[in-house]
Amino acid sequence: MTFEDLFDIDDIEDNNDVRPGPWWRHTLWTVGVTAFGVGLGWAGASSSIGESEFGLPAVAPGPFGEYLVAWAVIGLLTAGVLRATAARVLVYIPGQIAAVLLLVGTRLSLGWRPEAPVLAAMGAACVAVAALWSAFALRGAVKAARQRAERQRVRDEDAARTAAAAGAAVRDEDAVGRP
């Protein structure tokens, strides 16, 4: 097994491919995107953005580990939904979608420290956006499959008509040559 077999270099070149492969590669991708998104959110929360009364606040004082764990779990669900869909059909930029959702959610959670119901609603919204993105991809794949089937049916009918016409012409030539 070579390096190219482990991490398909073509995936890096073309971000819009269906991503079949072994389950461990999907798991590794899901964990990596989650760590990246939550890490960027945590890094962004390390400093304040804008003026203190108008901008996003920095990390609120106190322990914040439970927020990072919550967003890691949310991230695994979000990235898992997108990757599971991308393994079957073409999904446009699944990694970037998951990373941005996690970055924003983690950044907001660390700055304002929402209560558990609000955090759960934020997580549900994040997973719902990923599911909606996947549903659009699945709908496009179904529509494309129907169009391909219709084009194939038309080609098959044309080929059958052509073959029938050629067969009739051969029978006429045979009839002409006989006494």
Protein backbone atom coordinates (compact mmCIF):
# COMPACT_ATOMS: atom_id res chain seq x y z
CA MET A 1 0.00 0.00 0.00
CA THR A 2 1.44 3.35 -1.01
CA PHE A 3 0.87 6.89 0.22
CA GLU A 4 -1.33 7.60 -2.79
CA ASP A 5 -3.54 4.64 -1.85
CA LEU A 6 -4.02 5.92 1.69
CA PHE A 7 -4.85 9.50 0.81
CA ASP A 8 -6.08 9.82 -2.73
CA ILE A 9 -4.21 12.81 -4.16
CA ASP A 10 -7.01 13.33 -6.70
CA ASP A 11 -9.32 14.27 -3.80
CA ILE A 12 -7.05 17.20 -3.05
CA GLU A 13 -6.96 18.34 -6.66
CA ASP A 14 -10.70 18.15 -7.32
CA ASN A 15 -12.84 19.09 -4.33
CA ASN A 16 -16.11 18.14 -6.05
CA ASP A 17 -15.82 14.37 -6.34
CA VAL A 18 -17.85 11.60 -4.82
CA ARG A 19 -15.69 10.30 -2.00
CA PRO A 20 -16.04 6.53 -1.71
CA GLY A 21 -13.50 4.67 0.34
CA PRO A 22 -12.87 2.73 3.52
CA TRP A 23 -14.73 3.71 6.71
CA TRP A 24 -11.54 4.69 8.51
CA ARG A 25 -10.82 7.35 5.89
CA HIS A 26 -14.28 8.84 6.39
CA THR A 27 -13.77 8.75 10.16
CA LEU A 28 -10.37 10.39 9.89
CA TRP A 29 -11.80 13.13 7.65
CA THR A 30 -14.71 13.72 10.05
CA VAL A 31 -12.43 13.98 13.08
CA GLY A 32 -9.98 16.23 11.22
CA VAL A 33 -12.63 18.67 9.99
CA THR A 34 -14.16 18.78 13.47
CA ALA A 35 -10.82 19.48 15.12
CA PHE A 36 -10.03 22.15 12.54
CA GLY A 37 -13.38 23.96 12.90
CA VAL A 38 -13.48 23.83 16.69
CA GLY A 39 -9.79 24.79 16.88
CA LEU A 40 -10.32 27.82 14.65
CA GLY A 41 -13.31 28.85 16.76
CA TRP A 42 -11.27 28.54 19.93
CA ALA A 43 -8.35 30.44 18.40
CA GLY A 44 -10.70 33.16 17.18
CA ALA A 45 -12.23 33.47 20.62
CA SER A 46 -8.81 34.08 22.16
CA SER A 47 -9.04 37.74 21.20
CA SER A 48 -11.81 40.28 20.96
CA ILE A 49 -13.02 41.38 17.54
CA GLY A 50 -14.00 45.03 17.31
CA GLU A 51 -14.78 47.43 20.12
CA SER A 52 -15.66 45.92 23.47
CA GLU A 53 -19.26 47.19 23.50
CA PHE A 54 -20.03 46.36 19.84
CA GLY A 55 -17.72 43.54 18.75
CA LEU A 56 -17.63 39.84 19.54
CA PRO A 57 -16.29 39.35 23.07
CA ALA A 58 -13.23 37.27 23.77
CA VAL A 59 -13.47 34.03 25.76
CA ALA A 60 -15.59 34.69 28.82
CA PRO A 61 -13.86 34.07 32.13
CA GLY A 62 -14.20 30.63 33.64
CA PRO A 63 -13.80 27.08 32.41
CA PHE A 64 -14.72 26.52 28.78
CA GLY A 65 -13.83 22.87 28.27
CA GLU A 66 -17.45 21.72 28.28
CA TYR A 67 -18.20 24.09 25.39
CA LEU A 68 -15.32 22.69 23.37
CA VAL A 69 -16.49 19.14 24.07
CA ALA A 70 -20.07 20.03 23.13
CA TRP A 71 -18.94 21.57 19.84
CA ALA A 72 -16.67 18.61 19.16
CA VAL A 73 -19.68 16.28 19.47
CA ILE A 74 -21.80 18.61 17.34
CA GLY A 75 -18.94 18.76 14.85
CA LEU A 76 -18.69 15.00 14.59
CA LEU A 77 -22.41 14.84 13.80
CA THR A 78 -22.26 17.71 11.32
CA ALA A 79 -19.16 16.50 9.47
CA GLY A 80 -20.44 12.92 9.61
CA VAL A 81 -23.69 13.86 7.87
CA LEU A 82 -21.84 15.74 5.15
CA ARG A 83 -19.21 13.03 4.64
CA ALA A 84 -21.77 10.23 4.56
CA THR A 85 -23.61 12.06 1.81
CA ALA A 86 -20.38 12.88 -0.04
CA ALA A 87 -19.49 9.19 -0.04
CA ARG A 88 -22.54 8.49 -2.22
CA VAL A 89 -23.25 11.62 -4.26
CA LEU A 90 -21.52 14.80 -5.30
CA VAL A 91 -21.60 17.38 -2.45
CA TYR A 92 -20.25 20.86 -3.03
CA ILE A 93 -17.50 21.81 -0.50
CA PRO A 94 -18.56 19.61 2.45
CA GLY A 95 -15.41 20.26 4.47
CA GLN A 96 -15.63 24.01 4.22
CA ILE A 97 -19.32 24.00 5.17
CA ALA A 98 -18.67 21.89 8.28
CA ALA A 99 -15.60 23.91 9.32
CA VAL A 100 -17.38 27.28 9.00
CA LEU A 101 -20.43 26.06 10.92
CA LEU A 102 -18.20 24.79 13.72
CA LEU A 103 -16.00 27.88 13.75
CA VAL A 104 -18.99 30.21 14.11
CA GLY A 105 -20.73 28.07 16.71
CA THR A 106 -17.63 27.58 18.83
CA ARG A 107 -16.70 31.26 18.57
CA LEU A 108 -20.14 32.43 19.67
CA SER A 109 -20.37 29.87 22.47
CA LEU A 110 -17.02 30.77 23.97
CA GLY A 111 -17.77 34.49 23.86
CA TRP A 112 -21.26 34.47 25.34
CA ARG A 113 -21.44 31.13 27.22
CA PRO A 114 -25.07 30.20 26.46
CA GLU A 115 -27.10 27.98 28.74
CA ALA A 116 -27.57 24.31 27.81
CA PRO A 117 -30.90 24.71 25.93
CA VAL A 118 -29.50 27.51 23.78
CA LEU A 119 -26.33 25.51 23.11
CA ALA A 120 -28.47 22.50 22.14
CA ALA A 121 -30.51 24.69 19.78
CA MET A 122 -27.31 26.03 18.20
CA GLY A 123 -26.06 22.48 17.73
CA ALA A 124 -29.37 21.33 16.28
CA ALA A 125 -29.30 24.26 13.86
CA CYS A 126 -25.75 23.34 12.81
CA VAL A 127 -26.69 19.71 12.13
CA ALA A 128 -29.89 20.84 10.38
CA VAL A 129 -27.90 23.07 8.01
CA ALA A 130 -25.62 20.13 7.20
CA ALA A 131 -28.64 17.89 6.61
CA LEU A 132 -30.24 20.53 4.38
CA TRP A 133 -26.99 20.89 2.39
CA SER A 134 -26.92 17.11 1.99
CA ALA A 135 -30.58 17.03 0.96
CA PHE A 136 -29.86 19.51 -1.82
CA ALA A 137 -27.01 17.30 -3.01
CA LEU A 138 -29.19 14.19 -2.89
CA ARG A 139 -31.98 15.95 -4.78
CA GLY A 140 -29.52 17.00 -7.48
CA ALA A 141 -28.21 13.45 -7.73
CA VAL A 142 -31.70 12.00 -8.11
CA LYS A 143 -32.56 14.56 -10.77
CA ALA A 144 -29.33 13.84 -12.66
CA ALA A 145 -29.98 10.07 -12.47
CA ARG A 146 -33.46 10.55 -13.92
CA GLN A 147 -32.07 12.66 -16.77
CA ARG A 148 -29.39 10.03 -17.51
CA ALA A 149 -32.01 7.27 -17.51
CA GLU A 150 -34.22 9.26 -19.88
CA ARG A 151 -31.31 9.92 -22.27
CA GLN A 152 -30.38 6.23 -22.19
CA ARG A 153 -33.99 5.23 -22.90
CA VAL A 154 -34.10 7.57 -25.92
CA ARG A 155 -30.78 6.18 -27.19
CA ASP A 156 -32.03 2.62 -26.78
CA GLU A 157 -35.23 3.41 -28.67
CA ASP A 158 -33.25 5.05 -31.48
CA ALA A 159 -30.92 2.06 -31.67
CA ALA A 160 -33.90 -0.32 -31.78
CA ARG A 161 -35.53 1.68 -34.58
CA THR A 162 -32.26 1.78 -36.51
CA ALA A 163 -31.76 -1.96 -36.07
CA ALA A 164 -35.33 -2.67 -37.13
CA ALA A 165 -34.94 -0.50 -40.22
CA ALA A 166 -31.64 -2.19 -41.09
CA GLY A 167 -33.21 -5.61 -40.59
CA ALA A 168 -36.13 -4.72 -42.87
CA ALA A 169 -33.70 -3.51 -45.54
CA VAL A 170 -31.76 -6.78 -45.37
CA ARG A 171 -34.95 -8.83 -45.74
CA ASP A 172 -35.98 -6.75 -48.79
CA GLU A 173 -32.58 -7.35 -50.43
CA ASP A 174 -32.88 -11.08 -49.78
CA ALA A 175 -36.35 -11.12 -51.34
CA VAL A 176 -35.15 -9.27 -54.45
CA GLY A 177 -32.29 -11.68 -55.09
CA ARG A 178 -34.47 -14.82 -55.03
CA PRO A 179 -36.34 -16.12 -58.09
